Each structure stands twice: as structure tokens, then as C-alpha cells.
Amino acid sequence: MTQIRIRYAVIALLVAGIGYFPPARAESIAPDDDPTALWRVDYSDIGYADVGFSPYIKGWINGYLTPADYPDGSKILPPPPVKGSEAWKADAQAFHLLRKLRNTERGKLARNDANLSFNAIGRAFSTPLGTEISRQHTPRLHLLLSRLLTDAAYASNGTKKAFSRIRPYSELRIDSCTPSEHSALSNDGGSYPSGHAVTGFLWAMTLTAMVPEQATPLMQKGYEFGRSRLICGVHWASDVEAGRILAAGAFARLQASAEYQKQFKDARQEVAALLLAQKTTQE
């Protein structure tokens, strides 16, 4: 009887999403920024017909807060290392050391981690979470993580512009492993701090709060998500370290958002039902 109730609970959570079919399209690895792609902000299958686009970043889905709500990273973080300093030499050494991993399985993972497009939102965290993260399988979680991607940018873009650090592939004149994203990266303000590191750590902390029994693998993935940027050569080590600090501030600040709290609870219920159903099936 318990197993039957679990199955009905999962069906109730997911039935609305059965009719969702995203448009066929070639996937870019950069965050989607087309303001005419209204399907990206349409989560009507779970009760949110128009989440809307951000008034601060063209074509990105609305975040939960505004850029002004987040701690000012330019007043928190030290300036990035000056070229030629010992700290800069350590950054350069890490760059040359980690780029050796590009033609390995870890390098392949680094390229996958670079993907922040609509269909890839949260996908890298599916294994440590214990269930597939996607628009179809976990629509509530996908909505939450999509909006947090925007908030991660809110929490870091001002700091990027304040410091305007040159990226390592430009400074050292060595190609990254994701040249297709160079155009998008050239418009985001700079290398310090790493926006991917902010995003990955913010997602990891959110998912850890949601499924605490998976804390270690989730936080490990959040750490490695930032390290992937070093392997690909699009960030310096100090960029990633700074990004993790801003992620912690962003996560703390989001706790005061009633809208975030509501959608977090919705996503937590969705994930809990899926994990329970999977466990019951395995037994």
C-alpha cells in the first residue's frame, strides 16, 4: 500500500510536465539570452505561466533578487593578483598544471561543466543528487536553478566590471578548451571572480540544503565545477576562489527571499518524491 501511495505522489508531481516539449534547437554552451524565446520563461505546467525576463541582463530569466541586493564583492574581495607578483605566478603555475588534464576524462567533464544553456541547467549535479535534473524530469528544480543562475550573475557581474581582469587564455595567449564561449565571456566584465564558480557553488549549497544526506558529493561537485574552469583555461585559480566566497554571500542573502523559499520548498518536495520512489523501486 505504501508503494502505491508513493507512485501516485510522484505521478501527481510530474503529470503536468508530461506535455512539455522544448523547441528543437542547436544547443550553445553559453546561457541563453534571446528575449524572444518566451518558452524559456514559461513554466505553466507547474503553475508559472510567465516568470519573465530579467530587467538587468538581457534575455536571462528573472532572478529572485536584484543586483543591488547582493553583497558588494568589490568591497569584500582583495584585488586580483598583479601580473608578475608571487600570487600571479601561482595562478599561472596552476593554469599550466591543470591544462594538462584537457585530453583526459577530467578534461571532458570540464567541457561539459562549461555548459550553462537552458537544457543543461543543473545537469552536472544529477549524479550527486541521485536523480536526473532536467526541464522534463524535475521542472520545479529546473526553474529554481535557472533563476539562481541569474542571481549568481547579479552577485558577481558588478565585481567583474570593477576589477576587469584579463582572462588567462588572453593573457597567456593559449587557447581555452571552450573557444565557442569566448564571445560571450568577452561581454561579461572580466575574469575575476568566476561566474561559473559562483553558480556551481550556489547550486551545490542549495541542493545540499535540499538533500542534506547527499552533502558530501554535492559540495564536492560544486568545488569541481569551479575547478573545471581552471582546466579549461578560462579562469585563474584566484578567480575561482573569489567566486566561492561570493556564492556563500549570495546563498545567505537569498534566505530572506520569500519567493525563493517557496520555490525551494516546491523543488525539495519534487526531489524527495522522486528519490523515495527510486528507493522503493530498488527495494
Protein backbone atom coordinates (compact mmCIF):
# COMPACT_ATOMS: atom_id res chain seq x y z
CA MET A 1 0.00 0.00 0.00
CA THR A 2 2.85 2.38 0.85
CA GLN A 3 4.48 1.77 -2.52
CA ILE A 4 1.22 2.55 -4.29
CA ARG A 5 0.85 5.85 -2.42
CA ILE A 6 4.41 6.80 -3.34
CA ARG A 7 3.80 6.10 -7.01
CA TYR A 8 0.65 8.23 -7.00
CA ALA A 9 2.54 11.06 -5.29
CA VAL A 10 5.21 11.04 -7.98
CA ILE A 11 2.62 10.90 -10.74
CA ALA A 12 0.80 13.89 -9.22
CA LEU A 13 4.01 15.90 -9.15
CA LEU A 14 5.07 15.09 -12.69
CA VAL A 15 1.89 14.70 -14.70
CA ALA A 16 1.70 18.38 -15.59
CA GLY A 17 5.19 18.24 -17.06
CA ILE A 18 4.38 15.40 -19.44
CA GLY A 19 3.11 17.83 -22.06
CA TYR A 20 6.27 19.95 -22.06
CA PHE A 21 8.35 19.63 -25.21
CA PRO A 22 11.10 22.25 -25.73
CA PRO A 23 11.60 23.53 -29.28
CA ALA A 24 14.19 21.70 -31.35
CA ARG A 25 17.33 23.83 -31.46
CA ALA A 26 21.09 23.68 -31.71
CA GLU A 27 22.48 23.92 -28.20
CA SER A 28 25.05 26.57 -27.36
CA ILE A 29 27.00 26.22 -24.12
CA ALA A 30 26.52 29.87 -23.14
CA PRO A 31 23.49 30.94 -21.07
CA ASP A 32 20.53 31.60 -23.36
CA ASP A 33 19.93 35.32 -23.90
CA ASP A 34 17.23 35.54 -26.58
CA PRO A 35 14.41 37.74 -25.18
CA THR A 36 12.02 36.49 -27.87
CA ALA A 37 12.31 32.86 -26.67
CA LEU A 38 9.30 33.13 -24.39
CA TRP A 39 9.16 29.34 -23.94
CA ARG A 40 12.19 29.64 -21.64
CA VAL A 41 10.19 31.61 -19.05
CA ASP A 42 7.00 29.58 -19.45
CA TYR A 43 6.60 27.07 -16.63
CA SER A 44 2.81 26.95 -16.89
CA ASP A 45 2.90 23.16 -16.40
CA ILE A 46 3.83 23.82 -12.76
CA GLY A 47 1.80 26.99 -12.29
CA TYR A 48 4.16 29.73 -13.54
CA ALA A 49 2.97 30.84 -16.95
CA ASP A 50 5.33 33.80 -17.25
CA VAL A 51 8.33 34.02 -14.94
CA GLY A 52 9.55 36.90 -17.09
CA PHE A 53 12.95 38.12 -18.22
CA SER A 54 15.47 39.97 -16.12
CA PRO A 55 15.45 43.78 -16.42
CA TYR A 56 19.20 43.72 -15.68
CA ILE A 57 20.59 41.04 -18.04
CA LYS A 58 19.03 40.93 -21.48
CA GLY A 59 17.33 37.65 -22.32
CA TRP A 60 18.00 35.94 -18.98
CA ILE A 61 15.17 34.63 -16.84
CA ASN A 62 14.21 36.72 -13.80
CA GLY A 63 16.26 36.09 -10.70
CA TYR A 64 14.86 36.21 -7.18
CA LEU A 65 16.54 39.44 -6.13
CA THR A 66 18.27 42.39 -7.82
CA PRO A 67 22.00 43.12 -8.25
CA ALA A 68 21.77 45.80 -5.56
CA ASP A 69 20.51 43.24 -3.03
CA TYR A 70 23.75 41.28 -3.02
CA PRO A 71 26.95 41.98 -1.07
CA ASP A 72 29.34 44.25 -2.99
CA GLY A 73 32.17 41.92 -3.92
CA SER A 74 34.47 44.79 -4.87
CA LYS A 75 34.43 45.85 -1.21
CA ILE A 76 34.79 42.31 0.15
CA LEU A 77 37.41 40.69 -2.06
CA PRO A 78 41.03 41.80 -2.41
CA PRO A 79 42.04 42.95 -5.90
CA PRO A 80 43.19 40.14 -8.20
CA PRO A 81 46.93 39.39 -8.22
CA VAL A 82 49.12 41.86 -10.11
CA LYS A 83 50.97 40.42 -13.08
CA GLY A 84 54.44 39.32 -12.05
CA SER A 85 53.61 39.04 -8.35
CA GLU A 86 54.08 35.78 -6.47
CA ALA A 87 50.31 35.31 -6.33
CA TRP A 88 50.08 35.83 -10.12
CA LYS A 89 52.89 33.33 -10.67
CA ALA A 90 50.94 30.80 -8.57
CA ASP A 91 47.88 31.42 -10.76
CA ALA A 92 49.97 30.90 -13.91
CA GLN A 93 51.52 27.74 -12.49
CA ALA A 94 48.06 26.33 -11.73
CA PHE A 95 46.97 27.19 -15.28
CA HIS A 96 49.85 25.27 -16.87
CA LEU A 97 49.48 22.34 -14.49
CA LEU A 98 45.74 21.85 -14.91
CA ARG A 99 45.65 22.36 -18.68
CA LYS A 100 47.46 19.02 -18.92
CA LEU A 101 44.15 17.38 -17.96
CA ARG A 102 42.28 18.66 -21.02
CA ASN A 103 42.75 15.49 -23.08
CA THR A 104 41.63 13.22 -20.24
CA GLU A 105 38.21 12.19 -18.95
CA ARG A 106 38.50 15.01 -16.43
CA GLY A 107 39.01 17.41 -19.33
CA LYS A 108 35.86 16.11 -21.00
CA LEU A 109 33.99 16.72 -17.76
CA ALA A 110 35.38 20.26 -17.64
CA ARG A 111 33.98 20.98 -21.09
CA ASN A 112 30.60 19.59 -20.03
CA ASP A 113 30.62 21.74 -16.89
CA ALA A 114 31.04 24.84 -19.05
CA ASN A 115 27.55 24.35 -20.48
CA LEU A 116 25.03 26.73 -18.88
CA SER A 117 22.42 26.61 -21.64
CA PHE A 118 18.74 26.01 -20.90
CA ASN A 119 18.81 22.24 -21.38
CA ALA A 120 21.98 21.88 -19.30
CA ILE A 121 20.78 23.79 -16.23
CA GLY A 122 21.81 21.73 -13.18
CA ARG A 123 22.54 18.65 -15.30
CA ALA A 124 26.07 18.32 -13.93
CA PHE A 125 24.63 17.76 -10.46
CA SER A 126 22.29 14.91 -11.43
CA THR A 127 24.63 12.12 -10.32
CA PRO A 128 25.48 13.51 -6.86
CA LEU A 129 21.83 14.43 -6.29
CA GLY A 130 20.69 10.92 -7.19
CA THR A 131 18.15 11.79 -9.87
CA GLU A 132 18.12 13.42 -13.31
CA ILE A 133 17.88 17.22 -13.28
CA SER A 134 16.09 18.47 -16.38
CA ARG A 135 13.18 20.61 -17.53
CA GLN A 136 11.11 17.49 -18.14
CA HIS A 137 12.03 15.34 -15.14
CA THR A 138 12.34 18.00 -12.42
CA PRO A 139 10.55 21.15 -13.66
CA ARG A 140 10.36 22.76 -10.22
CA LEU A 141 14.05 22.23 -9.57
CA HIS A 142 14.91 23.37 -13.09
CA LEU A 143 13.02 26.61 -12.50
CA LEU A 144 14.82 27.17 -9.19
CA LEU A 145 18.29 26.55 -10.62
CA SER A 146 17.56 28.61 -13.75
CA ARG A 147 16.67 31.60 -11.65
CA LEU A 148 19.68 31.05 -9.39
CA LEU A 149 21.93 31.20 -12.46
CA THR A 150 20.69 34.75 -12.93
CA ASP A 151 21.15 35.57 -9.26
CA ALA A 152 24.71 34.25 -9.42
CA ALA A 153 25.36 36.76 -12.20
CA TYR A 154 23.75 39.53 -10.15
CA ALA A 155 26.07 38.64 -7.27
CA SER A 156 29.24 38.74 -9.39
CA ASN A 157 28.92 40.91 -12.51
CA GLY A 158 29.46 44.20 -10.70
CA THR A 159 32.65 42.86 -9.14
CA LYS A 160 33.85 41.59 -12.51
CA LYS A 161 33.44 45.05 -14.01
CA ALA A 162 35.11 46.71 -11.02
CA PHE A 163 38.30 44.68 -11.48
CA SER A 164 38.15 43.95 -15.27
CA ARG A 165 40.76 41.22 -15.08
CA ILE A 166 42.09 39.72 -18.31
CA ARG A 167 41.32 36.03 -18.75
CA PRO A 168 44.24 33.60 -18.77
CA TYR A 169 43.75 32.41 -22.35
CA SER A 170 44.12 36.05 -23.46
CA GLU A 171 46.91 36.95 -21.05
CA LEU A 172 48.98 33.85 -21.80
CA ARG A 173 47.88 33.53 -25.43
CA ILE A 174 46.94 29.87 -25.01
CA ASP A 175 43.54 28.70 -26.24
CA SER A 176 40.95 27.50 -23.76
CA CYS A 177 39.17 24.18 -24.19
CA THR A 178 35.87 26.00 -24.90
CA PRO A 179 36.65 28.59 -27.61
CA SER A 180 32.97 28.72 -28.60
CA GLU A 181 32.18 30.63 -25.40
CA HIS A 182 34.87 33.31 -25.84
CA SER A 183 32.45 35.76 -27.44
CA ALA A 184 30.01 35.53 -24.52
CA LEU A 185 32.86 35.72 -21.99
CA SER A 186 34.21 38.89 -23.58
CA ASN A 187 30.99 40.69 -22.67
CA ASP A 188 30.64 39.64 -19.01
CA GLY A 189 33.03 42.14 -17.45
CA GLY A 190 36.17 40.14 -16.79
CA SER A 191 37.77 37.08 -15.25
CA TYR A 192 37.64 37.95 -11.51
CA PRO A 193 35.61 36.46 -9.89
CA SER A 194 34.48 33.37 -11.80
CA GLY A 195 30.75 33.45 -12.53
CA HIS A 196 30.74 29.69 -13.09
CA ALA A 197 32.29 29.19 -9.66
CA VAL A 198 29.59 31.38 -8.11
CA THR A 199 26.90 29.42 -9.97
CA GLY A 200 28.29 25.97 -9.20
CA PHE A 201 28.79 26.66 -5.50
CA LEU A 202 25.41 28.37 -5.19
CA TRP A 203 23.72 25.38 -6.83
CA ALA A 204 25.71 22.99 -4.60
CA MET A 205 24.70 24.78 -1.39
CA THR A 206 21.07 24.95 -2.48
CA LEU A 207 20.96 21.24 -3.36
CA THR A 208 22.77 20.33 -0.14
CA ALA A 209 20.13 22.20 1.88
CA MET A 210 17.51 20.31 -0.13
CA VAL A 211 19.02 16.82 0.21
CA PRO A 212 21.42 17.02 3.18
CA GLU A 213 22.22 13.32 3.15
CA GLN A 214 23.98 13.96 -0.19
CA ALA A 215 26.00 16.88 1.22
CA THR A 216 29.47 15.48 0.52
CA PRO A 217 29.03 14.53 -3.17
CA LEU A 218 27.02 17.68 -3.88
CA MET A 219 29.58 20.03 -2.34
CA GLN A 220 32.38 18.07 -3.99
CA LYS A 221 30.68 18.66 -7.35
CA GLY A 222 30.30 22.35 -6.55
CA TYR A 223 34.03 22.51 -5.87
CA GLU A 224 34.92 20.61 -9.05
CA PHE A 225 32.52 22.73 -11.11
CA GLY A 226 34.75 25.71 -10.37
CA ARG A 227 37.94 23.70 -10.88
CA SER A 228 36.70 22.82 -14.36
CA ARG A 229 37.18 26.48 -15.30
CA LEU A 230 40.88 26.17 -14.45
CA ILE A 231 41.27 23.03 -16.55
CA CYS A 232 39.62 24.76 -19.49
CA GLY A 233 41.82 27.82 -19.04
CA VAL A 234 39.07 30.44 -18.92
CA HIS A 235 39.81 31.45 -15.31
CA TRP A 236 42.71 31.85 -12.91
CA ALA A 237 42.72 29.91 -9.63
CA SER A 238 42.17 33.12 -7.64
CA ASP A 239 39.07 33.88 -9.76
CA VAL A 240 37.51 30.59 -8.70
CA GLU A 241 38.39 31.05 -5.04
CA ALA A 242 36.78 34.51 -5.09
CA GLY A 243 33.69 33.10 -6.79
CA ARG A 244 33.12 30.61 -3.99
CA ILE A 245 33.19 33.44 -1.43
CA LEU A 246 30.57 35.43 -3.34
CA ALA A 247 28.45 32.28 -3.70
CA ALA A 248 28.35 31.91 0.07
CA GLY A 249 27.18 35.52 0.42
CA ALA A 250 24.56 35.05 -2.28
CA PHE A 251 23.20 31.88 -0.68
CA ALA A 252 22.90 33.61 2.70
CA ARG A 253 21.19 36.64 1.15
CA LEU A 254 18.64 34.50 -0.71
CA GLN A 255 17.33 33.05 2.54
CA ALA A 256 15.48 36.33 3.12
CA SER A 257 13.55 35.99 -0.17
CA ALA A 258 10.03 34.65 0.38
CA GLU A 259 9.72 33.75 -3.33
CA TYR A 260 12.97 31.81 -3.26
CA GLN A 261 11.88 29.99 -0.11
CA LYS A 262 8.56 28.98 -1.67
CA GLN A 263 10.08 27.65 -4.88
CA PHE A 264 12.86 25.95 -2.91
CA LYS A 265 10.25 24.07 -0.87
CA ASP A 266 8.34 23.12 -4.03
CA ALA A 267 11.53 21.77 -5.60
CA ARG A 268 12.51 19.95 -2.41
CA GLN A 269 9.14 18.17 -2.35
CA GLU A 270 9.53 17.24 -6.02
CA VAL A 271 13.01 15.80 -5.50
CA ALA A 272 12.06 14.00 -2.28
CA ALA A 273 9.20 12.21 -4.03
CA LEU A 274 11.45 11.11 -6.89
CA LEU A 275 14.21 9.86 -4.63
CA LEU A 276 11.73 7.98 -2.48
CA ALA A 277 10.12 6.36 -5.50
CA GLN A 278 13.53 5.32 -6.83
CA LYS A 279 14.49 3.83 -3.47
CA THR A 280 11.20 1.93 -3.24
CA THR A 281 11.60 0.55 -6.75
CA GLN A 282 15.15 -0.62 -5.98
CA GLU A 283 13.93 -2.42 -2.87
